[in-house]
Amino acid sequence: MERNNAENDILEKICREIEKTKKATDEHLARLATIFGQRFQRAWEAVKDNRVKKYIFKPSNRVVWIVVGRERDYIVMPDAVFCSCDDFYFHVMSRKAQICYHLIGQRIAEALGWYDVIEESDDIYDFLMSEWKKATP
């Protein structure tokens, strides 16, 4: 678990650097690729393909981060370091991986400001949450 914390700390440090200029340098990208390998590549694709969404529900101002994946949309909770994807359940929770690509992508997108903000009414919060929580068809 110590390795996980170190890698997540490095991700956070790099993202704080990116936030200052809203630019990811070649050095940032190379460091992330070295640390996370294929997970970074998939995360970067999600960011570049504009698949990171920040839903803000009104008037409560509840925020839900979504990463549109290959199979479905995944709920990402960056503060809890949680994702609703199978990779998180099968590899991150069993400590075979440090973090899923959806979490990496969300954090990079947030640092760069490269995400869609979608405002919805609190009236449809429960409906959307139930849709996002459904298992893959």
C-alpha atoms as a PDB file:
ATOM      1  CA  MET A   1       0.000   0.000   0.000  1.00  0.00           C
ATOM      2  CA  GLU A   2       2.958   2.297   0.567  1.00  0.00           C
ATOM      3  CA  ARG A   3       3.704   2.166  -3.168  1.00  0.00           C
ATOM      4  CA  ASN A   4       0.099   3.174  -3.935  1.00  0.00           C
ATOM      5  CA  ASN A   5       0.378   6.224  -1.738  1.00  0.00           C
ATOM      6  CA  ALA A   6       3.676   7.221  -3.330  1.00  0.00           C
ATOM      7  CA  GLU A   7       2.271   6.944  -6.862  1.00  0.00           C
ATOM      8  CA  ASN A   8      -0.914   8.796  -5.954  1.00  0.00           C
ATOM      9  CA  ASP A   9       1.196  11.484  -4.264  1.00  0.00           C
ATOM     10  CA  ILE A  10       3.257  11.882  -7.435  1.00  0.00           C
ATOM     11  CA  LEU A  11       0.060  12.129  -9.535  1.00  0.00           C
ATOM     12  CA  GLU A  12      -1.211  14.834  -7.204  1.00  0.00           C
ATOM     13  CA  LYS A  13       2.100  16.723  -7.300  1.00  0.00           C
ATOM     14  CA  ILE A  14       2.207  16.676 -11.102  1.00  0.00           C
ATOM     15  CA  CYS A  15      -1.432  17.778 -11.321  1.00  0.00           C
ATOM     16  CA  ARG A  16      -0.763  20.707  -8.968  1.00  0.00           C
ATOM     17  CA  GLU A  17       2.072  21.756 -11.295  1.00  0.00           C
ATOM     18  CA  ILE A  18      -0.282  21.463 -14.299  1.00  0.00           C
ATOM     19  CA  GLU A  19      -2.955  23.528 -12.517  1.00  0.00           C
ATOM     20  CA  LYS A  20      -0.605  26.492 -12.221  1.00  0.00           C
ATOM     21  CA  THR A  21      -0.271  26.925 -15.994  1.00  0.00           C
ATOM     22  CA  LYS A  22      -3.197  24.816 -17.277  1.00  0.00           C
ATOM     23  CA  LYS A  23      -0.623  23.055 -19.464  1.00  0.00           C
ATOM     24  CA  ALA A  24       0.780  19.546 -19.358  1.00  0.00           C
ATOM     25  CA  THR A  25       4.391  19.599 -20.504  1.00  0.00           C
ATOM     26  CA  ASP A  26       6.134  16.737 -22.280  1.00  0.00           C
ATOM     27  CA  GLU A  27       7.985  16.160 -19.004  1.00  0.00           C
ATOM     28  CA  HIS A  28       4.705  15.842 -17.079  1.00  0.00           C
ATOM     29  CA  LEU A  29       3.335  13.385 -19.626  1.00  0.00           C
ATOM     30  CA  ALA A  30       6.548  11.340 -19.658  1.00  0.00           C
ATOM     31  CA  ARG A  31       6.592  11.115 -15.850  1.00  0.00           C
ATOM     32  CA  LEU A  32       2.951  10.023 -15.780  1.00  0.00           C
ATOM     33  CA  ALA A  33       3.565   7.441 -18.513  1.00  0.00           C
ATOM     34  CA  THR A  34       6.546   6.053 -16.582  1.00  0.00           C
ATOM     35  CA  ILE A  35       4.549   5.763 -13.356  1.00  0.00           C
ATOM     36  CA  PHE A  36       1.212   4.505 -14.685  1.00  0.00           C
ATOM     37  CA  GLY A  37       2.069   2.933 -18.053  1.00  0.00           C
ATOM     38  CA  GLN A  38      -0.963   1.772 -20.028  1.00  0.00           C
ATOM     39  CA  ARG A  39      -3.347   3.235 -17.441  1.00  0.00           C
ATOM     40  CA  PHE A  40      -1.931   6.679 -18.168  1.00  0.00           C
ATOM     41  CA  GLN A  41      -2.287   6.159 -21.926  1.00  0.00           C
ATOM     42  CA  ARG A  42      -5.971   5.269 -21.510  1.00  0.00           C
ATOM     43  CA  ALA A  43      -6.490   8.178 -19.106  1.00  0.00           C
ATOM     44  CA  TRP A  44      -4.875  10.620 -21.527  1.00  0.00           C
ATOM     45  CA  GLU A  45      -7.126   9.336 -24.337  1.00  0.00           C
ATOM     46  CA  ALA A  46     -10.182   9.960 -22.141  1.00  0.00           C
ATOM     47  CA  VAL A  47      -9.003  13.504 -21.424  1.00  0.00           C
ATOM     48  CA  LYS A  48      -8.175  14.292 -25.066  1.00  0.00           C
ATOM     49  CA  ASP A  49     -11.463  12.731 -26.249  1.00  0.00           C
ATOM     50  CA  ASN A  50     -13.417  14.971 -23.841  1.00  0.00           C
ATOM     51  CA  ARG A  51     -14.881  12.030 -21.924  1.00  0.00           C
ATOM     52  CA  VAL A  52     -14.567  13.601 -18.452  1.00  0.00           C
ATOM     53  CA  LYS A  53     -17.768  15.256 -17.210  1.00  0.00           C
ATOM     54  CA  LYS A  54     -18.516  17.257 -14.083  1.00  0.00           C
ATOM     55  CA  TYR A  55     -22.204  17.223 -13.238  1.00  0.00           C
ATOM     56  CA  ILE A  56     -23.401  19.950 -10.900  1.00  0.00           C
ATOM     57  CA  PHE A  57     -26.891  19.505  -9.520  1.00  0.00           C
ATOM     58  CA  LYS A  58     -28.930  22.592  -8.676  1.00  0.00           C
ATOM     59  CA  PRO A  59     -29.860  24.012  -6.258  1.00  0.00           C
ATOM     60  CA  SER A  60     -27.934  21.626  -3.947  1.00  0.00           C
ATOM     61  CA  ASN A  61     -24.598  22.093  -5.793  1.00  0.00           C
ATOM     62  CA  ARG A  62     -23.869  18.372  -5.468  1.00  0.00           C
ATOM     63  CA  VAL A  63     -21.047  17.382  -7.796  1.00  0.00           C
ATOM     64  CA  VAL A  64     -20.672  14.048  -9.562  1.00  0.00           C
ATOM     65  CA  TRP A  65     -17.663  13.327 -11.786  1.00  0.00           C
ATOM     66  CA  ILE A  66     -18.249  10.919 -14.657  1.00  0.00           C
ATOM     67  CA  VAL A  67     -15.751   9.393 -17.047  1.00  0.00           C
ATOM     68  CA  VAL A  68     -17.326   7.977 -20.169  1.00  0.00           C
ATOM     69  CA  GLY A  69     -15.723   4.573 -20.616  1.00  0.00           C
ATOM     70  CA  ARG A  70     -15.774   1.957 -23.321  1.00  0.00           C
ATOM     71  CA  GLU A  71     -18.617  -0.009 -21.765  1.00  0.00           C
ATOM     72  CA  ARG A  72     -20.517   2.626 -19.824  1.00  0.00           C
ATOM     73  CA  ASP A  73     -20.205   5.801 -17.756  1.00  0.00           C
ATOM     74  CA  TYR A  74     -18.220   5.487 -14.525  1.00  0.00           C
ATOM     75  CA  ILE A  75     -18.729   7.429 -11.313  1.00  0.00           C
ATOM     76  CA  VAL A  76     -15.420   8.830 -10.086  1.00  0.00           C
ATOM     77  CA  MET A  77     -15.044  10.163  -6.553  1.00  0.00           C
ATOM     78  CA  PRO A  78     -11.634  11.825  -6.495  1.00  0.00           C
ATOM     79  CA  ASP A  79     -11.713  12.794  -2.812  1.00  0.00           C
ATOM     80  CA  ALA A  80     -12.370   9.173  -1.826  1.00  0.00           C
ATOM     81  CA  VAL A  81     -10.073   7.784  -4.554  1.00  0.00           C
ATOM     82  CA  PHE A  82     -12.966   5.610  -5.772  1.00  0.00           C
ATOM     83  CA  CYS A  83     -14.290   4.598  -9.182  1.00  0.00           C
ATOM     84  CA  SER A  84     -17.253   2.410 -10.085  1.00  0.00           C
ATOM     85  CA  CYS A  85     -15.342   0.495 -12.797  1.00  0.00           C
ATOM     86  CA  ASP A  86     -14.504  -3.217 -12.687  1.00  0.00           C
ATOM     87  CA  ASP A  87     -10.768  -2.468 -12.797  1.00  0.00           C
ATOM     88  CA  PHE A  88     -11.103  -0.590  -9.519  1.00  0.00           C
ATOM     89  CA  TYR A  89     -13.003  -3.458  -7.870  1.00  0.00           C
ATOM     90  CA  PHE A  90     -10.808  -6.275  -9.170  1.00  0.00           C
ATOM     91  CA  HIS A  91      -7.351  -4.711  -9.265  1.00  0.00           C
ATOM     92  CA  VAL A  92      -7.177  -1.581  -7.127  1.00  0.00           C
ATOM     93  CA  MET A  93      -9.071  -2.955  -4.146  1.00  0.00           C
ATOM     94  CA  SER A  94      -6.991  -6.150  -4.238  1.00  0.00           C
ATOM     95  CA  ARG A  95      -3.851  -3.990  -4.472  1.00  0.00           C
ATOM     96  CA  LYS A  96      -2.783  -5.423  -7.830  1.00  0.00           C
ATOM     97  CA  ALA A  97      -2.913  -1.881  -9.277  1.00  0.00           C
ATOM     98  CA  GLN A  98      -2.480   1.536  -7.734  1.00  0.00           C
ATOM     99  CA  ILE A  99      -5.323   3.432  -9.409  1.00  0.00           C
ATOM    100  CA  CYS A 100      -7.668   2.979 -12.374  1.00  0.00           C
ATOM    101  CA  TYR A 101      -7.370   5.050 -15.524  1.00  0.00           C
ATOM    102  CA  HIS A 102     -10.701   6.794 -14.893  1.00  0.00           C
ATOM    103  CA  LEU A 103      -9.346   8.350 -11.682  1.00  0.00           C
ATOM    104  CA  ILE A 104      -6.105   9.355 -13.391  1.00  0.00           C
ATOM    105  CA  GLY A 105      -8.047  10.887 -16.279  1.00  0.00           C
ATOM    106  CA  GLN A 106     -10.400  12.793 -13.999  1.00  0.00           C
ATOM    107  CA  ARG A 107      -7.523  14.300 -12.040  1.00  0.00           C
ATOM    108  CA  ILE A 108      -5.586  15.327 -15.147  1.00  0.00           C
ATOM    109  CA  ALA A 109      -8.729  16.763 -16.780  1.00  0.00           C
ATOM    110  CA  GLU A 110      -9.510  18.737 -13.630  1.00  0.00           C
ATOM    111  CA  ALA A 111      -5.952  20.087 -13.485  1.00  0.00           C
ATOM    112  CA  LEU A 112      -6.077  21.164 -17.116  1.00  0.00           C
ATOM    113  CA  GLY A 113      -9.668  22.407 -16.977  1.00  0.00           C
ATOM    114  CA  TRP A 114     -10.437  20.023 -19.873  1.00  0.00           C
ATOM    115  CA  TYR A 115     -13.851  18.689 -18.868  1.00  0.00           C
ATOM    116  CA  ASP A 116     -17.477  19.445 -19.597  1.00  0.00           C
ATOM    117  CA  VAL A 117     -19.597  21.022 -16.888  1.00  0.00           C
ATOM    118  CA  ILE A 118     -23.179  19.841 -17.043  1.00  0.00           C
ATOM    119  CA  GLU A 119     -25.757  21.494 -14.819  1.00  0.00           C
ATOM    120  CA  GLU A 120     -28.827  19.450 -13.968  1.00  0.00           C
ATOM    121  CA  SER A 121     -31.727  19.813 -11.601  1.00  0.00           C
ATOM    122  CA  ASP A 122     -31.712  18.022  -8.262  1.00  0.00           C
ATOM    123  CA  ASP A 123     -34.980  16.508  -9.482  1.00  0.00           C
ATOM    124  CA  ILE A 124     -33.110  14.088 -11.750  1.00  0.00           C
ATOM    125  CA  TYR A 125     -30.163  13.315  -9.439  1.00  0.00           C
ATOM    126  CA  ASP A 126     -31.609   9.989  -8.246  1.00  0.00           C
ATOM    127  CA  PHE A 127     -32.481   8.922 -11.784  1.00  0.00           C
ATOM    128  CA  LEU A 128     -29.010   9.692 -13.146  1.00  0.00           C
ATOM    129  CA  MET A 129     -27.276   8.044 -10.197  1.00  0.00           C
ATOM    130  CA  SER A 130     -29.308   4.872 -10.728  1.00  0.00           C
ATOM    131  CA  GLU A 131     -28.390   4.903 -14.437  1.00  0.00           C
ATOM    132  CA  TRP A 132     -24.696   5.353 -13.678  1.00  0.00           C
ATOM    133  CA  LYS A 133     -24.747   2.585 -11.077  1.00  0.00           C
ATOM    134  CA  LYS A 134     -26.247   0.006 -13.446  1.00  0.00           C
ATOM    135  CA  ALA A 135     -24.002  -2.863 -14.350  1.00  0.00           C
ATOM    136  CA  THR A 136     -22.624  -3.225 -17.839  1.00  0.00           C
ATOM    137  CA  PRO A 137     -25.334  -4.518 -20.201  1.00  0.00           C
END
